[in-house]
N, C-alpha and C. Protein backbone atom coordinates (compact mmCIF):
# COMPACT_ATOMS: atom_id res chain seq x y z
N MET A 1 30.00 7.53 -0.52
CA MET A 1 28.72 8.18 -0.30
C MET A 1 27.96 8.29 -1.61
N PHE A 2 26.66 8.05 -1.55
CA PHE A 2 25.81 8.34 -2.70
C PHE A 2 24.40 8.59 -2.20
N SER A 3 23.58 9.18 -3.06
CA SER A 3 22.22 9.54 -2.69
C SER A 3 21.24 8.98 -3.71
N THR A 4 20.34 8.13 -3.25
CA THR A 4 19.31 7.60 -4.14
C THR A 4 18.43 8.72 -4.68
N ALA A 5 18.11 9.69 -3.82
CA ALA A 5 17.25 10.80 -4.25
C ALA A 5 17.88 11.56 -5.40
N GLU A 6 19.19 11.82 -5.31
CA GLU A 6 19.87 12.53 -6.40
C GLU A 6 19.92 11.70 -7.66
N LYS A 7 20.19 10.40 -7.49
CA LYS A 7 20.24 9.51 -8.65
C LYS A 7 18.88 9.43 -9.33
N LEU A 8 17.83 9.35 -8.53
CA LEU A 8 16.48 9.26 -9.08
C LEU A 8 16.08 10.56 -9.77
N GLN A 9 16.40 11.67 -9.13
CA GLN A 9 16.07 12.96 -9.72
C GLN A 9 16.78 13.15 -11.06
N GLU A 10 18.04 12.75 -11.10
CA GLU A 10 18.81 12.86 -12.35
C GLU A 10 18.17 12.04 -13.46
N PHE A 11 17.77 10.81 -13.13
CA PHE A 11 17.14 9.96 -14.13
C PHE A 11 15.80 10.53 -14.60
N LEU A 12 14.94 10.88 -13.65
CA LEU A 12 13.59 11.34 -14.01
C LEU A 12 13.61 12.66 -14.75
N SER A 13 14.57 13.52 -14.43
CA SER A 13 14.62 14.83 -15.10
C SER A 13 15.00 14.71 -16.56
N HIS A 14 15.68 13.62 -16.92
CA HIS A 14 16.10 13.43 -18.32
C HIS A 14 15.28 12.36 -19.05
N PHE A 15 14.36 11.73 -18.33
CA PHE A 15 13.59 10.65 -18.93
C PHE A 15 12.61 11.16 -19.99
N LYS A 16 12.58 10.47 -21.12
CA LYS A 16 11.60 10.72 -22.18
C LYS A 16 10.86 9.41 -22.44
N LYS A 17 9.56 9.52 -22.69
CA LYS A 17 8.76 8.31 -22.86
C LYS A 17 9.27 7.43 -24.00
N ALA A 18 9.93 8.04 -24.97
CA ALA A 18 10.48 7.27 -26.08
C ALA A 18 11.56 6.29 -25.61
N GLN A 19 12.11 6.51 -24.42
CA GLN A 19 13.15 5.62 -23.88
C GLN A 19 12.57 4.38 -23.21
N LEU A 20 11.26 4.37 -22.98
CA LEU A 20 10.65 3.32 -22.18
C LEU A 20 10.87 1.93 -22.76
N GLU A 21 10.69 1.79 -24.05
CA GLU A 21 10.83 0.45 -24.67
C GLU A 21 12.24 -0.10 -24.47
N GLU A 22 13.24 0.76 -24.66
CA GLU A 22 14.63 0.31 -24.49
C GLU A 22 14.90 -0.08 -23.04
N ILE A 23 14.37 0.71 -22.10
CA ILE A 23 14.55 0.41 -20.68
C ILE A 23 13.90 -0.94 -20.35
N GLN A 24 12.71 -1.17 -20.87
CA GLN A 24 12.01 -2.43 -20.62
C GLN A 24 12.78 -3.62 -21.16
N LEU A 25 13.30 -3.48 -22.37
CA LEU A 25 14.05 -4.58 -22.98
C LEU A 25 15.31 -4.90 -22.18
N LYS A 26 16.02 -3.87 -21.76
CA LYS A 26 17.23 -4.08 -20.97
C LYS A 26 16.89 -4.70 -19.61
N ALA A 27 15.80 -4.24 -19.01
CA ALA A 27 15.38 -4.78 -17.72
C ALA A 27 15.03 -6.26 -17.84
N GLU A 28 14.29 -6.60 -18.88
CA GLU A 28 13.91 -8.00 -19.10
C GLU A 28 15.12 -8.87 -19.41
N ASP A 29 16.19 -8.23 -19.92
CA ASP A 29 17.41 -8.97 -20.25
C ASP A 29 18.34 -9.09 -19.03
N GLY A 30 17.92 -8.50 -17.90
CA GLY A 30 18.68 -8.67 -16.66
C GLY A 30 19.57 -7.51 -16.27
N ASP A 31 19.47 -6.38 -16.97
CA ASP A 31 20.30 -5.22 -16.64
C ASP A 31 19.78 -4.58 -15.34
N SER A 32 20.60 -4.57 -14.29
CA SER A 32 20.14 -4.11 -12.97
C SER A 32 19.80 -2.62 -12.96
N GLU A 33 20.57 -1.80 -13.67
CA GLU A 33 20.28 -0.38 -13.70
C GLU A 33 18.95 -0.12 -14.40
N ALA A 34 18.70 -0.83 -15.50
CA ALA A 34 17.43 -0.69 -16.21
C ALA A 34 16.28 -1.17 -15.33
N GLN A 35 16.50 -2.22 -14.57
CA GLN A 35 15.47 -2.70 -13.64
C GLN A 35 15.15 -1.66 -12.59
N PHE A 36 16.20 -1.01 -12.08
CA PHE A 36 15.99 0.09 -11.13
C PHE A 36 15.20 1.21 -11.78
N HIS A 37 15.59 1.59 -12.98
CA HIS A 37 14.89 2.67 -13.68
C HIS A 37 13.43 2.32 -13.93
N LEU A 38 13.17 1.09 -14.37
CA LEU A 38 11.80 0.69 -14.65
C LEU A 38 10.97 0.67 -13.36
N GLY A 39 11.56 0.15 -12.29
CA GLY A 39 10.86 0.15 -11.01
C GLY A 39 10.56 1.57 -10.55
N ALA A 40 11.53 2.47 -10.75
CA ALA A 40 11.34 3.87 -10.35
C ALA A 40 10.22 4.52 -11.16
N LEU A 41 10.12 4.17 -12.43
CA LEU A 41 9.04 4.72 -13.26
C LEU A 41 7.68 4.28 -12.75
N PHE A 42 7.55 2.99 -12.42
CA PHE A 42 6.27 2.51 -11.89
C PHE A 42 5.98 3.14 -10.52
N ALA A 43 7.01 3.36 -9.72
CA ALA A 43 6.81 3.94 -8.39
C ALA A 43 6.42 5.41 -8.46
N ASN A 44 6.76 6.07 -9.57
CA ASN A 44 6.46 7.49 -9.72
C ASN A 44 5.37 7.77 -10.75
N GLY A 45 4.91 6.72 -11.44
CA GLY A 45 3.90 6.93 -12.47
C GLY A 45 4.39 7.77 -13.63
N ARG A 46 5.64 7.59 -14.00
CA ARG A 46 6.23 8.34 -15.11
C ARG A 46 6.36 7.43 -16.33
N GLY A 47 5.65 7.76 -17.40
CA GLY A 47 5.72 6.98 -18.63
C GLY A 47 4.91 5.70 -18.58
N VAL A 48 4.51 5.30 -17.37
CA VAL A 48 3.71 4.10 -17.15
C VAL A 48 2.68 4.43 -16.06
N GLU A 49 1.69 3.56 -15.91
CA GLU A 49 0.71 3.78 -14.86
C GLU A 49 1.33 3.48 -13.49
N PHE A 50 1.04 4.34 -12.53
CA PHE A 50 1.54 4.15 -11.17
C PHE A 50 1.14 2.78 -10.64
N ASN A 51 2.13 1.99 -10.20
CA ASN A 51 1.85 0.63 -9.74
C ASN A 51 2.98 0.19 -8.81
N LEU A 52 2.73 0.23 -7.50
CA LEU A 52 3.78 -0.12 -6.55
C LEU A 52 4.12 -1.61 -6.57
N ASP A 53 3.15 -2.46 -6.90
CA ASP A 53 3.45 -3.89 -6.98
C ASP A 53 4.42 -4.16 -8.13
N GLU A 54 4.15 -3.54 -9.27
CA GLU A 54 5.05 -3.70 -10.42
C GLU A 54 6.41 -3.09 -10.12
N ALA A 55 6.39 -1.93 -9.46
CA ALA A 55 7.65 -1.29 -9.07
C ALA A 55 8.47 -2.21 -8.17
N SER A 56 7.81 -2.83 -7.21
CA SER A 56 8.51 -3.71 -6.27
C SER A 56 9.15 -4.89 -6.97
N GLN A 57 8.45 -5.45 -7.95
CA GLN A 57 8.99 -6.61 -8.67
C GLN A 57 10.29 -6.26 -9.37
N TRP A 58 10.31 -5.11 -10.07
CA TRP A 58 11.51 -4.74 -10.82
C TRP A 58 12.63 -4.28 -9.87
N LEU A 59 12.26 -3.57 -8.83
CA LEU A 59 13.27 -3.11 -7.88
C LEU A 59 13.90 -4.28 -7.12
N THR A 60 13.10 -5.29 -6.83
CA THR A 60 13.64 -6.47 -6.15
C THR A 60 14.64 -7.19 -7.04
N LYS A 61 14.34 -7.28 -8.33
CA LYS A 61 15.29 -7.89 -9.28
C LYS A 61 16.61 -7.11 -9.27
N ALA A 62 16.50 -5.77 -9.26
CA ALA A 62 17.71 -4.95 -9.24
C ALA A 62 18.45 -5.10 -7.91
N ALA A 63 17.70 -5.10 -6.81
CA ALA A 63 18.31 -5.23 -5.49
C ALA A 63 19.04 -6.57 -5.34
N ASP A 64 18.46 -7.61 -5.90
CA ASP A 64 19.08 -8.94 -5.83
C ASP A 64 20.43 -8.98 -6.56
N GLN A 65 20.66 -7.99 -7.44
CA GLN A 65 21.93 -7.90 -8.15
C GLN A 65 22.84 -6.83 -7.52
N GLY A 66 22.45 -6.34 -6.33
CA GLY A 66 23.31 -5.40 -5.61
C GLY A 66 23.09 -3.94 -5.92
N GLU A 67 21.95 -3.60 -6.52
CA GLU A 67 21.63 -2.20 -6.82
C GLU A 67 21.09 -1.55 -5.55
N PHE A 68 21.95 -0.80 -4.86
CA PHE A 68 21.58 -0.28 -3.55
C PHE A 68 20.47 0.76 -3.60
N SER A 69 20.42 1.55 -4.65
CA SER A 69 19.35 2.54 -4.76
C SER A 69 17.99 1.85 -4.86
N ALA A 70 17.96 0.67 -5.48
CA ALA A 70 16.72 -0.10 -5.54
C ALA A 70 16.28 -0.51 -4.14
N MET A 71 17.25 -0.84 -3.29
CA MET A 71 16.94 -1.23 -1.91
C MET A 71 16.31 -0.06 -1.16
N THR A 72 16.85 1.14 -1.36
CA THR A 72 16.30 2.32 -0.69
C THR A 72 14.87 2.58 -1.14
N LEU A 73 14.61 2.46 -2.43
CA LEU A 73 13.24 2.65 -2.93
C LEU A 73 12.31 1.56 -2.39
N LEU A 74 12.79 0.34 -2.28
CA LEU A 74 11.98 -0.73 -1.71
C LEU A 74 11.63 -0.43 -0.26
N GLY A 75 12.56 0.18 0.48
CA GLY A 75 12.27 0.59 1.84
C GLY A 75 11.15 1.62 1.87
N TRP A 76 11.21 2.57 0.96
CA TRP A 76 10.16 3.60 0.88
C TRP A 76 8.81 2.96 0.55
N ILE A 77 8.80 2.02 -0.40
CA ILE A 77 7.55 1.35 -0.77
C ILE A 77 6.98 0.59 0.41
N ALA A 78 7.84 -0.08 1.17
CA ALA A 78 7.38 -0.83 2.33
C ALA A 78 6.66 0.08 3.32
N ILE A 79 7.20 1.28 3.53
CA ILE A 79 6.56 2.23 4.45
C ILE A 79 5.17 2.61 3.96
N GLN A 80 5.00 2.76 2.66
CA GLN A 80 3.69 3.14 2.11
C GLN A 80 2.64 2.06 2.32
N GLN A 81 3.07 0.82 2.44
CA GLN A 81 2.13 -0.29 2.51
C GLN A 81 1.42 -0.39 3.86
N GLU A 82 2.01 0.12 4.91
CA GLU A 82 1.37 0.27 6.22
C GLU A 82 0.66 -0.99 6.73
N ASP A 83 1.35 -2.12 6.64
CA ASP A 83 0.81 -3.33 7.24
C ASP A 83 1.60 -3.65 8.51
N SER A 84 1.33 -4.78 9.12
CA SER A 84 1.92 -5.08 10.42
C SER A 84 3.43 -5.28 10.39
N GLU A 85 4.00 -5.50 9.21
CA GLU A 85 5.44 -5.74 9.11
C GLU A 85 6.14 -4.73 8.20
N SER A 86 5.43 -3.67 7.82
CA SER A 86 6.01 -2.73 6.86
C SER A 86 7.27 -2.05 7.40
N GLY A 87 7.27 -1.71 8.70
CA GLY A 87 8.45 -1.08 9.27
C GLY A 87 9.66 -2.00 9.26
N SER A 88 9.44 -3.26 9.59
CA SER A 88 10.54 -4.24 9.61
C SER A 88 11.09 -4.46 8.20
N ARG A 89 10.20 -4.56 7.22
CA ARG A 89 10.65 -4.75 5.83
C ARG A 89 11.45 -3.54 5.36
N ALA A 90 10.92 -2.36 5.68
CA ALA A 90 11.62 -1.14 5.29
C ALA A 90 13.01 -1.10 5.92
N MET A 91 13.10 -1.44 7.20
CA MET A 91 14.38 -1.41 7.90
C MET A 91 15.38 -2.37 7.26
N ASP A 92 14.92 -3.54 6.88
CA ASP A 92 15.82 -4.52 6.25
C ASP A 92 16.43 -3.95 4.97
N TRP A 93 15.58 -3.32 4.14
CA TRP A 93 16.09 -2.76 2.88
C TRP A 93 16.98 -1.55 3.15
N TYR A 94 16.52 -0.65 4.01
CA TYR A 94 17.30 0.55 4.30
C TYR A 94 18.67 0.19 4.88
N GLN A 95 18.70 -0.81 5.74
CA GLN A 95 19.95 -1.18 6.41
C GLN A 95 21.02 -1.57 5.39
N LYS A 96 20.63 -2.36 4.41
CA LYS A 96 21.60 -2.80 3.40
C LYS A 96 22.14 -1.62 2.61
N ALA A 97 21.25 -0.72 2.21
CA ALA A 97 21.68 0.44 1.43
C ALA A 97 22.49 1.40 2.29
N ALA A 98 22.08 1.58 3.54
CA ALA A 98 22.78 2.50 4.44
C ALA A 98 24.20 2.06 4.70
N GLU A 99 24.38 0.76 4.91
CA GLU A 99 25.72 0.23 5.17
C GLU A 99 26.62 0.36 3.94
N ALA A 100 25.99 0.46 2.76
CA ALA A 100 26.77 0.66 1.54
C ALA A 100 27.08 2.14 1.30
N GLY A 101 26.48 3.02 2.14
CA GLY A 101 26.81 4.45 2.05
C GLY A 101 25.73 5.35 1.52
N ASP A 102 24.52 4.83 1.30
CA ASP A 102 23.43 5.67 0.78
C ASP A 102 22.94 6.60 1.89
N VAL A 103 23.16 7.90 1.73
CA VAL A 103 22.80 8.86 2.78
C VAL A 103 21.29 8.93 2.98
N ASP A 104 20.51 8.71 1.93
CA ASP A 104 19.05 8.76 2.07
C ASP A 104 18.55 7.58 2.90
N ALA A 105 19.14 6.42 2.72
CA ALA A 105 18.78 5.26 3.52
C ALA A 105 19.20 5.48 4.98
N GLN A 106 20.36 6.09 5.18
CA GLN A 106 20.83 6.36 6.55
C GLN A 106 19.85 7.29 7.28
N CYS A 107 19.42 8.34 6.60
CA CYS A 107 18.49 9.27 7.21
C CYS A 107 17.14 8.60 7.45
N SER A 108 16.72 7.74 6.53
CA SER A 108 15.44 7.04 6.68
C SER A 108 15.46 6.09 7.87
N ILE A 109 16.60 5.47 8.12
CA ILE A 109 16.72 4.62 9.33
C ILE A 109 16.58 5.50 10.57
N GLY A 110 17.21 6.67 10.55
CA GLY A 110 17.05 7.60 11.66
C GLY A 110 15.59 7.95 11.89
N ASP A 111 14.86 8.20 10.80
CA ASP A 111 13.43 8.50 10.90
C ASP A 111 12.66 7.35 11.54
N LEU A 112 12.96 6.13 11.11
CA LEU A 112 12.25 4.97 11.66
C LEU A 112 12.53 4.79 13.15
N HIS A 113 13.76 4.99 13.54
CA HIS A 113 14.10 4.86 14.96
C HIS A 113 13.53 6.01 15.80
N LEU A 114 13.28 7.14 15.17
CA LEU A 114 12.70 8.28 15.88
C LEU A 114 11.21 8.05 16.16
N THR A 115 10.48 7.66 15.13
CA THR A 115 9.02 7.57 15.26
C THR A 115 8.54 6.16 15.57
N GLY A 116 9.38 5.15 15.28
CA GLY A 116 8.89 3.77 15.37
C GLY A 116 8.02 3.47 14.15
N GLY A 117 7.50 2.30 14.09
CA GLY A 117 6.67 1.91 12.95
C GLY A 117 6.26 0.47 13.13
N ALA A 118 5.53 -0.05 12.16
CA ALA A 118 5.06 -1.43 12.25
C ALA A 118 6.25 -2.37 12.39
N GLY A 119 6.41 -2.95 13.58
CA GLY A 119 7.50 -3.89 13.82
C GLY A 119 8.78 -3.23 14.28
N ILE A 120 8.80 -1.90 14.46
CA ILE A 120 10.00 -1.17 14.87
C ILE A 120 9.69 -0.32 16.10
N GLU A 121 10.49 -0.47 17.15
CA GLU A 121 10.35 0.35 18.35
C GLU A 121 11.28 1.56 18.25
N PRO A 122 10.85 2.73 18.74
CA PRO A 122 11.76 3.89 18.77
C PRO A 122 13.06 3.55 19.51
N ASN A 123 14.16 4.07 19.02
CA ASN A 123 15.48 3.77 19.61
C ASN A 123 16.34 5.02 19.45
N ALA A 124 16.47 5.79 20.53
CA ALA A 124 17.17 7.07 20.45
C ALA A 124 18.64 6.91 20.07
N LYS A 125 19.31 5.91 20.64
CA LYS A 125 20.73 5.72 20.35
C LYS A 125 20.96 5.41 18.88
N ALA A 126 20.19 4.49 18.34
CA ALA A 126 20.33 4.13 16.92
C ALA A 126 19.94 5.30 16.03
N MET A 127 18.89 6.03 16.42
CA MET A 127 18.45 7.19 15.65
C MET A 127 19.57 8.20 15.51
N LEU A 128 20.20 8.55 16.64
CA LEU A 128 21.27 9.54 16.61
C LEU A 128 22.46 9.07 15.78
N TYR A 129 22.76 7.78 15.90
CA TYR A 129 23.89 7.24 15.13
C TYR A 129 23.66 7.43 13.63
N TRP A 130 22.48 7.05 13.16
CA TRP A 130 22.25 7.09 11.71
C TRP A 130 22.04 8.52 11.22
N TYR A 131 21.41 9.37 12.03
CA TYR A 131 21.32 10.78 11.63
C TYR A 131 22.71 11.39 11.52
N GLU A 132 23.60 11.05 12.44
CA GLU A 132 24.95 11.60 12.38
C GLU A 132 25.71 11.09 11.16
N GLN A 133 25.51 9.82 10.81
CA GLN A 133 26.15 9.27 9.61
C GLN A 133 25.74 10.06 8.38
N ALA A 134 24.44 10.32 8.26
CA ALA A 134 23.94 11.06 7.10
C ALA A 134 24.32 12.54 7.17
N ALA A 135 24.22 13.12 8.35
CA ALA A 135 24.52 14.55 8.50
C ALA A 135 25.98 14.84 8.17
N ASN A 136 26.87 13.96 8.55
CA ASN A 136 28.29 14.16 8.26
C ASN A 136 28.60 14.05 6.78
N GLN A 137 27.62 13.53 6.01
CA GLN A 137 27.77 13.47 4.56
C GLN A 137 26.86 14.50 3.88
N GLN A 138 26.52 15.55 4.64
CA GLN A 138 25.80 16.72 4.13
C GLN A 138 24.34 16.43 3.75
N HIS A 139 23.68 15.50 4.45
CA HIS A 139 22.26 15.27 4.18
C HIS A 139 21.46 16.32 4.95
N PRO A 140 20.71 17.19 4.24
CA PRO A 140 20.06 18.33 4.90
C PRO A 140 19.02 17.96 5.95
N LYS A 141 18.21 16.94 5.69
CA LYS A 141 17.19 16.58 6.68
C LYS A 141 17.83 16.06 7.95
N ALA A 142 18.86 15.23 7.82
CA ALA A 142 19.54 14.69 8.99
C ALA A 142 20.19 15.82 9.78
N GLN A 143 20.78 16.78 9.07
CA GLN A 143 21.39 17.93 9.75
C GLN A 143 20.33 18.74 10.50
N TYR A 144 19.19 18.93 9.87
CA TYR A 144 18.09 19.65 10.52
C TYR A 144 17.61 18.92 11.77
N GLN A 145 17.40 17.61 11.65
CA GLN A 145 16.91 16.83 12.79
C GLN A 145 17.89 16.90 13.97
N LEU A 146 19.17 16.77 13.66
CA LEU A 146 20.17 16.86 14.73
C LEU A 146 20.18 18.25 15.35
N GLY A 147 20.14 19.28 14.51
CA GLY A 147 20.16 20.64 15.00
C GLY A 147 18.98 20.94 15.91
N LYS A 148 17.80 20.50 15.50
CA LYS A 148 16.59 20.74 16.29
C LYS A 148 16.66 20.01 17.63
N MET A 149 17.08 18.76 17.60
CA MET A 149 17.16 17.98 18.84
C MET A 149 18.18 18.57 19.81
N ILE A 150 19.32 18.99 19.27
CA ILE A 150 20.36 19.57 20.13
C ILE A 150 19.91 20.92 20.67
N SER A 151 19.18 21.68 19.86
CA SER A 151 18.65 22.96 20.32
C SER A 151 17.63 22.77 21.43
N ASP A 152 16.78 21.74 21.28
CA ASP A 152 15.73 21.47 22.28
C ASP A 152 16.25 20.69 23.48
N GLY A 153 17.44 20.10 23.35
CA GLY A 153 17.94 19.22 24.41
C GLY A 153 17.15 17.93 24.49
N LYS A 154 16.65 17.49 23.34
CA LYS A 154 15.85 16.26 23.28
C LYS A 154 16.73 15.10 22.83
N PHE A 155 16.82 14.07 23.66
CA PHE A 155 17.64 12.88 23.41
C PHE A 155 19.13 13.13 23.62
N VAL A 156 19.55 14.40 23.58
CA VAL A 156 20.96 14.75 23.73
C VAL A 156 21.07 15.98 24.62
N THR A 157 22.29 16.27 25.07
CA THR A 157 22.52 17.46 25.87
C THR A 157 22.36 18.70 25.01
N GLN A 158 21.65 19.70 25.53
CA GLN A 158 21.47 20.94 24.78
C GLN A 158 22.80 21.64 24.58
N ASN A 159 23.04 22.11 23.36
CA ASN A 159 24.29 22.76 23.03
C ASN A 159 24.00 23.77 21.92
N ASP A 160 23.96 25.04 22.27
CA ASP A 160 23.55 26.06 21.31
C ASP A 160 24.49 26.17 20.12
N GLU A 161 25.79 26.07 20.36
CA GLU A 161 26.74 26.18 19.25
C GLU A 161 26.59 25.01 18.29
N ALA A 162 26.48 23.80 18.81
CA ALA A 162 26.32 22.63 17.94
C ALA A 162 25.00 22.71 17.18
N ALA A 163 23.94 23.16 17.84
CA ALA A 163 22.65 23.30 17.18
C ALA A 163 22.73 24.33 16.05
N PHE A 164 23.38 25.45 16.35
CA PHE A 164 23.54 26.51 15.34
C PHE A 164 24.31 25.97 14.14
N ARG A 165 25.35 25.19 14.41
CA ARG A 165 26.17 24.65 13.33
C ARG A 165 25.36 23.73 12.43
N TRP A 166 24.64 22.76 13.03
CA TRP A 166 23.89 21.80 12.22
C TRP A 166 22.76 22.48 11.45
N LEU A 167 22.07 23.40 12.09
CA LEU A 167 20.96 24.07 11.42
C LEU A 167 21.45 24.94 10.27
N THR A 168 22.58 25.60 10.47
CA THR A 168 23.14 26.43 9.39
C THR A 168 23.59 25.56 8.22
N LEU A 169 24.24 24.46 8.52
CA LEU A 169 24.64 23.54 7.45
C LEU A 169 23.42 23.01 6.70
N ALA A 170 22.36 22.70 7.44
CA ALA A 170 21.13 22.21 6.81
C ALA A 170 20.56 23.24 5.86
N ILE A 171 20.56 24.50 6.28
CA ILE A 171 20.06 25.59 5.43
C ILE A 171 20.91 25.71 4.17
N MET A 172 22.22 25.64 4.34
CA MET A 172 23.11 25.76 3.19
C MET A 172 22.94 24.59 2.22
N ASN A 173 22.44 23.47 2.73
CA ASN A 173 22.19 22.32 1.88
C ASN A 173 20.74 22.25 1.41
N GLY A 174 19.96 23.32 1.67
CA GLY A 174 18.63 23.42 1.09
C GLY A 174 17.46 23.10 1.98
N SER A 175 17.66 22.96 3.30
CA SER A 175 16.55 22.61 4.19
C SER A 175 15.75 23.85 4.57
N GLU A 176 14.48 23.89 4.17
CA GLU A 176 13.60 25.00 4.54
C GLU A 176 13.18 24.96 6.01
N PRO A 177 12.83 23.77 6.58
CA PRO A 177 12.45 23.74 7.99
C PRO A 177 13.55 24.26 8.92
N ALA A 178 14.81 24.07 8.50
CA ALA A 178 15.91 24.52 9.34
C ALA A 178 15.95 26.04 9.46
N GLN A 179 15.42 26.75 8.46
CA GLN A 179 15.44 28.21 8.51
C GLN A 179 14.61 28.73 9.68
N LYS A 180 13.41 28.18 9.84
CA LYS A 180 12.54 28.59 10.94
C LYS A 180 13.16 28.20 12.28
N GLU A 181 13.73 27.00 12.35
CA GLU A 181 14.32 26.53 13.60
C GLU A 181 15.52 27.40 14.00
N LEU A 182 16.30 27.81 13.02
CA LEU A 182 17.46 28.67 13.32
C LEU A 182 17.00 30.04 13.81
N GLN A 183 15.90 30.55 13.26
CA GLN A 183 15.36 31.83 13.72
C GLN A 183 14.94 31.74 15.19
N LEU A 184 14.31 30.62 15.54
CA LEU A 184 13.90 30.41 16.94
C LEU A 184 15.11 30.33 17.86
N LEU A 185 16.14 29.61 17.40
CA LEU A 185 17.36 29.47 18.20
C LEU A 185 18.03 30.82 18.37
N THR A 186 18.15 31.57 17.28
CA THR A 186 18.81 32.87 17.33
C THR A 186 18.06 33.83 18.25
N ALA A 187 16.73 33.79 18.19
CA ALA A 187 15.94 34.65 19.08
C ALA A 187 16.14 34.28 20.54
N ARG A 188 16.34 33.00 20.80
CA ARG A 188 16.51 32.54 22.17
C ARG A 188 17.89 32.87 22.74
N VAL A 189 18.92 32.66 21.94
CA VAL A 189 20.28 32.83 22.47
C VAL A 189 20.83 34.23 22.27
N GLY A 190 20.21 35.02 21.39
CA GLY A 190 20.68 36.38 21.18
C GLY A 190 22.10 36.42 20.66
N ASP A 191 22.95 37.20 21.32
CA ASP A 191 24.33 37.39 20.86
C ASP A 191 25.31 36.50 21.60
N THR A 192 24.84 35.46 22.27
CA THR A 192 25.76 34.63 23.04
C THR A 192 26.67 33.79 22.15
N LEU A 193 26.25 33.57 20.90
CA LEU A 193 27.13 32.87 19.97
C LEU A 193 28.09 33.89 19.38
N THR A 194 29.35 33.68 19.61
CA THR A 194 30.35 34.68 19.24
C THR A 194 30.54 34.75 17.73
N GLN A 195 30.99 35.92 17.29
CA GLN A 195 31.29 36.10 15.88
C GLN A 195 32.41 35.15 15.45
N GLU A 196 33.35 34.91 16.35
CA GLU A 196 34.46 33.98 16.05
C GLU A 196 33.91 32.59 15.74
N PHE A 197 32.94 32.14 16.53
CA PHE A 197 32.36 30.82 16.29
C PHE A 197 31.66 30.79 14.93
N ARG A 198 30.88 31.84 14.63
CA ARG A 198 30.15 31.86 13.36
C ARG A 198 31.12 31.81 12.17
N GLU A 199 32.20 32.57 12.26
CA GLU A 199 33.19 32.59 11.18
C GLU A 199 33.88 31.24 11.06
N ARG A 200 34.18 30.61 12.19
CA ARG A 200 34.83 29.30 12.16
C ARG A 200 33.93 28.24 11.51
N MET A 201 32.65 28.33 11.84
CA MET A 201 31.71 27.37 11.28
C MET A 201 31.57 27.55 9.76
N MET A 202 31.53 28.79 9.30
CA MET A 202 31.45 29.06 7.87
C MET A 202 32.69 28.55 7.15
N ASN A 203 33.84 28.72 7.75
CA ASN A 203 35.08 28.22 7.15
C ASN A 203 35.06 26.70 7.06
N ASP A 204 34.57 26.05 8.11
CA ASP A 204 34.48 24.59 8.10
C ASP A 204 33.56 24.11 6.98
N PHE A 205 32.45 24.83 6.77
CA PHE A 205 31.52 24.45 5.72
C PHE A 205 32.16 24.59 4.34
N GLN A 206 32.84 25.71 4.13
CA GLN A 206 33.45 25.96 2.83
C GLN A 206 34.52 24.91 2.51
N GLN A 207 35.22 24.43 3.53
CA GLN A 207 36.27 23.43 3.31
C GLN A 207 35.71 22.06 2.93
N THR A 208 34.43 21.81 3.27
CA THR A 208 33.82 20.50 2.97
C THR A 208 33.02 20.54 1.67
N HIS A 209 32.99 21.68 0.98
CA HIS A 209 32.23 21.80 -0.26
C HIS A 209 33.13 22.27 -1.41
């Protein structure tokens, strides 16, 4: 398991503009990590002017060398382009990274299958599969999406205990939307969720962290 978002945040939080020249030289020399970093800088407008075309060029070089985080970022860039094939391009990149274990790519595939997109039809079965893959690896958005759907009985059988579990895990992993959804669920079900269940769920969470 790995997370492109965490990797990117770690890099950007420590990036200093004085490092740019060294990153560029390494990228031009074929270093895949430097290519990913340079592409990420262009995609975020950090140290360089924001330029998605330039970002795509460097990220593609990194992706061609097996840099999975670059593939995830390329999927995100494809979505921003909003042309007739942007959804299909994004799916191709996300799929490669997701199969390698990137939880952000897995969740993004779930998003694409939920809403559809240019060249992509909504697919509930595939959406649930990829959300579950990411949720089981503690991805907060995927946990929130599963919790909300199970609470609403949308695409899946309604199950208050399962919804409570996913929403609580999402909150513990930092999801703000899950807090409101859990309040709605708690108001609806009242005290029907037993204290034993709540304690068991908390123990399960602690054992996975």
